[in-house]
Amino acid sequence: MKEYTVLFNKDRSLVGILNENLKAVVPGENSLIGVLLLNSGLIHHIGPNRIYVKIARRLAALGFVVLRFDLSGIGDSGPRKDKMPFAESVIDEVRQAMDYLEHFKGIKQFICVGVCSGATASAQISAVDHRAKKAVLINPELPRRIQIELMSHISYHKKLFDLRRWRHFLFLRSNYREIFQVIGMMIIRKIRPIYVRNSQLSEFTTETVKFLRSLRTRGVRLLMVFSEDDTEHRYFQKIIGDEYGMIQNDEFFAIEKIGNADHLFTPLACQEELLNLISKWVAEDG
């Protein structure tokens, strides 16, 4: 297996690590498929708990060409020299990564993979670039305004009446920063008119369902992976509503949960389960 550093875009300011296994590649049209691993927040290209390194090496061993790279201003990549908004620059830079692999490796089809905000970026690029054929969304991040509406209602209602959590609080073993955030969110919910809150959730639900349908229309295959110990899966079910059953039974979409996993897949056993799940899914035809 080869693993080496690459520089790309017109200023050669974007830095990535390329993994490929030349012995596993079968020559022929469309035989090469590229995998792009997109930054999870401000974590550089090793990914949370080095999970991107493990994913890259596992998929390269299966014959994929894998590029894990840093967006501008993150990790090893330099800052942008223009004033393009971040949401637009993410799409632009992922496309430049595709252009690089298409030019130097002849790759015309891509699978985008990401954790948290990287998952969101993976979905967004899949909606606008025909070269993106599959996407793996791991605990996809929701807009902050939607998290505020859902967090105190879904995640913390039961915790207020959990005696075990109160014992942790009294014996100084709680996450006090999280507690104060939740209290703040609950205050915000009380202050803001309920029709505003319901309107925002309804609008986001409509946008999300429309977005998922557009991916299906384009023929993009989607794998969504959620941690059992995290809140994203419950958020997703709440937002999608009646569409959730349809998505579960759709040949283009797959939804999986990994038990005992936190948001960033810290336990090694959970990482291995995630690696096996992704490896199997990306290798499937279609």
Protein backbone atom coordinates (compact mmCIF):
# COMPACT_ATOMS: atom_id res chain seq x y z
CA MET A 1 0.00 0.00 0.00
CA LYS A 2 1.18 3.49 -0.84
CA GLU A 3 0.51 6.40 1.52
CA TYR A 4 1.87 9.81 0.65
CA THR A 5 1.22 13.55 0.94
CA VAL A 6 -0.35 15.51 -1.91
CA LEU A 7 -0.80 19.23 -2.52
CA PHE A 8 -3.55 20.53 -4.76
CA ASN A 9 -5.69 23.47 -5.92
CA LYS A 10 -4.24 26.38 -7.92
CA ASP A 11 -2.20 27.68 -4.97
CA ARG A 12 -1.20 24.17 -3.86
CA SER A 13 -2.42 25.18 -0.42
CA LEU A 14 -4.69 22.20 0.26
CA VAL A 15 -2.89 19.29 1.90
CA GLY A 16 -4.01 15.69 1.96
CA ILE A 17 -2.84 12.12 2.47
CA LEU A 18 -3.47 9.71 -0.40
CA ASN A 19 -3.84 5.98 0.18
CA GLU A 20 -3.86 3.49 -2.67
CA ASN A 21 -3.13 -0.18 -3.20
CA LEU A 22 -1.97 -0.60 -6.80
CA LYS A 23 -2.02 -4.40 -6.62
CA ALA A 24 -5.73 -4.38 -5.81
CA VAL A 25 -6.73 -2.18 -8.74
CA VAL A 26 -8.22 -3.91 -11.78
CA PRO A 27 -7.57 -1.91 -15.01
CA GLY A 28 -10.60 -0.87 -17.03
CA GLU A 29 -13.22 1.83 -17.43
CA ASN A 30 -14.65 3.03 -14.11
CA SER A 31 -12.53 0.48 -12.22
CA LEU A 32 -11.23 3.21 -9.92
CA ILE A 33 -13.47 4.78 -7.32
CA GLY A 34 -12.22 7.59 -5.13
CA VAL A 35 -13.12 8.04 -1.49
CA LEU A 36 -12.93 11.49 0.10
CA LEU A 37 -12.79 11.88 3.89
CA LEU A 38 -13.99 15.33 4.91
CA ASN A 39 -12.95 17.22 8.06
CA SER A 40 -15.03 16.70 11.17
CA GLY A 41 -15.21 20.27 12.43
CA LEU A 42 -11.72 21.62 13.16
CA ILE A 43 -10.18 18.17 13.56
CA HIS A 44 -7.53 17.71 10.90
CA HIS A 45 -7.25 14.85 8.43
CA ILE A 46 -6.56 12.07 10.95
CA GLY A 47 -10.21 12.37 12.01
CA PRO A 48 -11.73 11.94 15.47
CA ASN A 49 -9.71 9.35 17.41
CA ARG A 50 -7.68 8.71 14.21
CA ILE A 51 -10.72 7.03 12.65
CA TYR A 52 -10.05 8.58 9.20
CA VAL A 53 -6.60 6.99 9.12
CA LYS A 54 -8.17 3.61 9.81
CA ILE A 55 -10.95 4.08 7.26
CA ALA A 56 -8.48 5.21 4.59
CA ARG A 57 -6.19 2.23 5.06
CA ARG A 58 -9.05 -0.28 5.24
CA LEU A 59 -10.67 1.00 2.03
CA ALA A 60 -7.35 1.31 0.21
CA ALA A 61 -6.72 -2.35 0.99
CA LEU A 62 -9.99 -3.09 -0.85
CA GLY A 63 -8.78 -1.28 -3.96
CA PHE A 64 -10.20 2.21 -3.46
CA VAL A 65 -8.10 5.35 -3.86
CA VAL A 66 -8.65 7.33 -0.66
CA LEU A 67 -7.88 10.98 -0.01
CA ARG A 68 -8.20 12.45 3.46
CA PHE A 69 -7.46 16.15 3.27
CA ASP A 70 -7.81 19.37 5.20
CA LEU A 71 -10.10 22.16 4.10
CA SER A 72 -8.50 25.60 3.96
CA GLY A 73 -7.55 26.97 7.37
CA ILE A 74 -7.73 23.56 9.05
CA GLY A 75 -4.79 21.32 9.98
CA ASP A 76 -2.03 21.42 7.38
CA SER A 77 -3.90 23.42 4.73
CA GLY A 78 -3.33 27.16 4.37
CA PRO A 79 -6.08 29.78 4.57
CA ARG A 80 -8.03 30.92 1.53
CA LYS A 81 -6.94 34.16 -0.09
CA ASP A 82 -10.40 35.19 -1.22
CA LYS A 83 -13.53 36.08 0.75
CA MET A 84 -15.69 33.15 -0.32
CA PRO A 85 -18.16 32.20 2.46
CA PHE A 86 -17.27 29.00 4.30
CA ALA A 87 -20.36 27.10 3.12
CA GLU A 88 -19.40 27.78 -0.49
CA SER A 89 -15.67 27.21 -0.02
CA VAL A 90 -16.29 23.69 1.36
CA ILE A 91 -18.08 22.67 -1.84
CA ASP A 92 -15.44 24.38 -3.96
CA GLU A 93 -12.55 22.61 -2.21
CA VAL A 94 -14.16 19.17 -2.27
CA ARG A 95 -14.67 19.65 -6.00
CA GLN A 96 -11.01 20.59 -6.35
CA ALA A 97 -10.10 17.34 -4.59
CA MET A 98 -12.25 15.49 -7.13
CA ASP A 99 -10.62 17.40 -9.99
CA TYR A 100 -7.17 16.47 -8.70
CA LEU A 101 -7.94 12.74 -8.51
CA GLU A 102 -9.72 12.81 -11.86
CA HIS A 103 -6.74 14.49 -13.53
CA PHE A 104 -3.95 12.42 -11.97
CA LYS A 105 -5.72 9.11 -11.31
CA GLY A 106 -8.49 9.04 -13.89
CA ILE A 107 -11.15 8.72 -11.20
CA LYS A 108 -14.65 9.79 -12.21
CA GLN A 109 -16.77 8.40 -9.38
CA PHE A 110 -16.53 9.28 -5.71
CA ILE A 111 -17.75 8.25 -2.29
CA CYS A 112 -17.79 11.06 0.28
CA VAL A 113 -17.42 10.14 3.95
CA GLY A 114 -17.56 12.34 7.03
CA VAL A 115 -18.28 12.53 10.75
CA CYS A 116 -20.51 15.30 12.16
CA SER A 117 -19.95 18.43 10.01
CA GLY A 118 -17.99 16.24 7.59
CA ALA A 119 -21.16 14.20 7.11
CA THR A 120 -23.13 17.34 6.34
CA ALA A 121 -20.53 18.39 3.75
CA SER A 122 -20.61 14.89 2.23
CA ALA A 123 -24.37 15.14 1.74
CA GLN A 124 -24.14 18.64 0.29
CA ILE A 125 -21.50 17.77 -2.31
CA SER A 126 -23.50 14.67 -3.27
CA ALA A 127 -26.43 16.91 -4.13
CA VAL A 128 -24.51 19.20 -6.49
CA ASP A 129 -21.76 17.16 -8.18
CA HIS A 130 -22.62 14.27 -10.51
CA ARG A 131 -19.34 12.51 -9.69
CA ALA A 132 -20.48 11.82 -6.13
CA LYS A 133 -22.21 8.43 -6.29
CA LYS A 134 -22.33 7.43 -2.62
CA ALA A 135 -22.06 9.14 0.75
CA VAL A 136 -21.47 7.86 4.28
CA LEU A 137 -22.91 10.21 6.89
CA ILE A 138 -21.69 9.44 10.41
CA ASN A 139 -23.65 11.29 13.12
CA PRO A 140 -24.51 14.16 10.73
CA GLU A 141 -24.55 17.60 12.33
CA LEU A 142 -27.76 19.60 12.56
CA PRO A 143 -27.93 23.41 12.38
CA ARG A 144 -27.51 24.93 15.82
CA ARG A 145 -30.99 26.49 15.81
CA ILE A 146 -32.56 23.08 15.25
CA GLN A 147 -30.42 21.46 17.96
CA ILE A 148 -31.71 24.04 20.42
CA GLU A 149 -35.31 23.15 19.61
CA LEU A 150 -34.76 19.41 19.87
CA MET A 151 -32.15 19.01 22.60
CA SER A 152 -34.07 20.12 25.66
CA HIS A 153 -37.29 18.49 24.45
CA ILE A 154 -35.96 15.06 23.41
CA SER A 155 -32.62 14.48 25.09
CA TYR A 156 -32.87 15.97 28.54
CA HIS A 157 -36.46 15.65 29.60
CA LYS A 158 -35.92 12.18 31.12
CA LYS A 159 -32.54 13.11 32.55
CA LEU A 160 -34.15 15.63 34.89
CA PHE A 161 -35.91 12.73 36.64
CA ASP A 162 -32.98 10.28 36.58
CA LEU A 163 -31.80 9.64 40.18
CA ARG A 164 -28.46 8.28 38.98
CA ARG A 165 -27.70 11.56 37.21
CA TRP A 166 -28.66 13.55 40.30
CA ARG A 167 -26.16 11.49 42.34
CA HIS A 168 -23.48 12.34 39.80
CA PHE A 169 -24.44 16.00 40.14
CA LEU A 170 -24.23 15.98 43.95
CA PHE A 171 -20.87 14.16 44.02
CA LEU A 172 -19.26 16.43 41.42
CA ARG A 173 -19.15 13.82 38.66
CA SER A 174 -21.42 15.54 36.16
CA ASN A 175 -20.62 17.44 32.97
CA TYR A 176 -21.49 20.86 34.40
CA ARG A 177 -20.82 22.69 31.16
CA GLU A 178 -23.44 20.54 29.46
CA ILE A 179 -25.88 21.15 32.30
CA PHE A 180 -25.60 24.92 31.99
CA GLN A 181 -26.01 24.68 28.21
CA VAL A 182 -29.21 22.71 28.66
CA ILE A 183 -30.57 25.18 31.21
CA GLY A 184 -29.82 27.99 28.78
CA MET A 185 -31.61 26.15 25.98
CA MET A 186 -34.66 25.53 28.16
CA ILE A 187 -34.80 29.25 29.03
CA ILE A 188 -34.61 30.11 25.33
CA ARG A 189 -37.51 27.75 24.65
CA LYS A 190 -39.60 29.53 27.28
CA ILE A 191 -38.77 33.03 26.05
CA ARG A 192 -39.26 32.47 22.33
CA PRO A 193 -42.86 32.22 21.06
CA ILE A 194 -43.94 28.61 20.46
CA TYR A 195 -45.21 29.38 16.95
CA VAL A 196 -41.68 30.49 15.99
CA ARG A 197 -40.18 27.25 17.30
CA ASN A 198 -42.76 25.06 15.56
CA SER A 199 -42.38 27.00 12.35
CA GLN A 200 -38.60 26.51 12.30
CA LEU A 201 -38.87 22.77 12.89
CA SER A 202 -41.59 22.37 10.28
CA GLU A 203 -39.57 24.30 7.72
CA PHE A 204 -36.43 22.26 8.42
CA THR A 205 -38.40 19.00 8.17
CA THR A 206 -39.69 20.02 4.75
CA GLU A 207 -36.20 21.02 3.59
CA THR A 208 -34.66 17.76 4.84
CA VAL A 209 -37.25 15.50 3.20
CA LYS A 210 -36.95 17.44 -0.06
CA PHE A 211 -33.16 17.13 0.11
CA LEU A 212 -33.24 13.36 0.66
CA ARG A 213 -35.66 12.91 -2.20
CA SER A 214 -33.39 14.95 -4.48
CA LEU A 215 -30.47 12.63 -3.65
CA ARG A 216 -32.58 9.63 -4.51
CA THR A 217 -33.63 11.21 -7.81
CA ARG A 218 -29.96 11.68 -8.66
CA GLY A 219 -29.28 8.03 -7.82
CA VAL A 220 -27.00 8.80 -4.86
CA ARG A 221 -26.76 5.90 -2.41
CA LEU A 222 -26.66 7.01 1.22
CA LEU A 223 -25.47 5.24 4.36
CA MET A 224 -26.31 6.97 7.63
CA VAL A 225 -24.55 5.67 10.74
CA PHE A 226 -25.60 6.77 14.21
CA SER A 227 -24.05 6.17 17.62
CA GLU A 228 -26.45 4.56 20.07
CA ASP A 229 -25.21 6.78 22.92
CA ASP A 230 -25.58 9.96 20.89
CA THR A 231 -28.70 12.04 20.20
CA GLU A 232 -28.51 12.43 16.41
CA HIS A 233 -30.58 9.35 15.60
CA ARG A 234 -33.49 10.49 17.76
CA TYR A 235 -33.20 13.97 16.26
CA PHE A 236 -33.27 12.49 12.77
CA GLN A 237 -36.37 10.41 13.53
CA LYS A 238 -38.12 13.44 15.00
CA ILE A 239 -37.31 15.64 12.02
CA ILE A 240 -38.15 13.08 9.31
CA GLY A 241 -41.34 11.88 10.98
CA ASP A 242 -43.46 9.66 8.73
CA GLU A 243 -40.73 9.60 6.07
CA TYR A 244 -38.45 7.58 8.36
CA GLY A 245 -40.11 4.26 7.51
CA MET A 246 -39.87 5.01 3.81
CA ILE A 247 -36.15 5.74 4.09
CA GLN A 248 -35.48 2.54 6.03
CA ASN A 249 -37.07 0.47 3.26
CA ASP A 250 -35.55 2.35 0.33
CA GLU A 251 -32.90 0.57 -1.74
CA PHE A 252 -30.91 3.80 -2.04
CA PHE A 253 -30.72 4.51 1.68
CA ALA A 254 -29.40 2.54 4.64
CA ILE A 255 -29.59 3.49 8.32
CA GLU A 256 -27.42 1.73 10.90
CA LYS A 257 -26.84 2.17 14.64
CA ILE A 258 -23.73 1.13 16.53
CA GLY A 259 -24.22 0.23 20.18
CA ASN A 260 -22.18 1.73 23.02
CA ALA A 261 -20.63 4.30 20.66
CA ASP A 262 -20.30 7.97 21.55
CA HIS A 263 -20.47 10.83 19.05
CA LEU A 264 -16.83 10.46 17.93
CA PHE A 265 -16.54 6.66 18.24
CA THR A 266 -13.99 6.61 21.04
CA PRO A 267 -14.23 2.90 22.05
CA LEU A 268 -11.97 0.74 19.87
CA ALA A 269 -14.61 -1.97 19.55
CA CYS A 270 -17.06 0.59 18.15
CA GLN A 271 -14.44 1.83 15.71
CA GLU A 272 -13.92 -1.71 14.43
CA GLU A 273 -17.66 -2.19 13.98
CA LEU A 274 -17.83 1.09 12.08
CA LEU A 275 -14.92 0.07 9.83
CA ASN A 276 -16.54 -3.26 9.03
CA LEU A 277 -19.88 -1.60 8.29
CA ILE A 278 -18.41 1.01 5.95
CA SER A 279 -16.15 -1.49 4.19
CA LYS A 280 -19.04 -3.83 3.43
CA TRP A 281 -21.37 -1.06 2.26
CA VAL A 282 -18.99 0.83 -0.04
CA ALA A 283 -17.93 -2.45 -1.70
CA GLU A 284 -21.51 -3.29 -2.67
CA ASP A 285 -22.45 -2.86 -6.33
CA GLY A 286 -24.65 0.03 -7.30
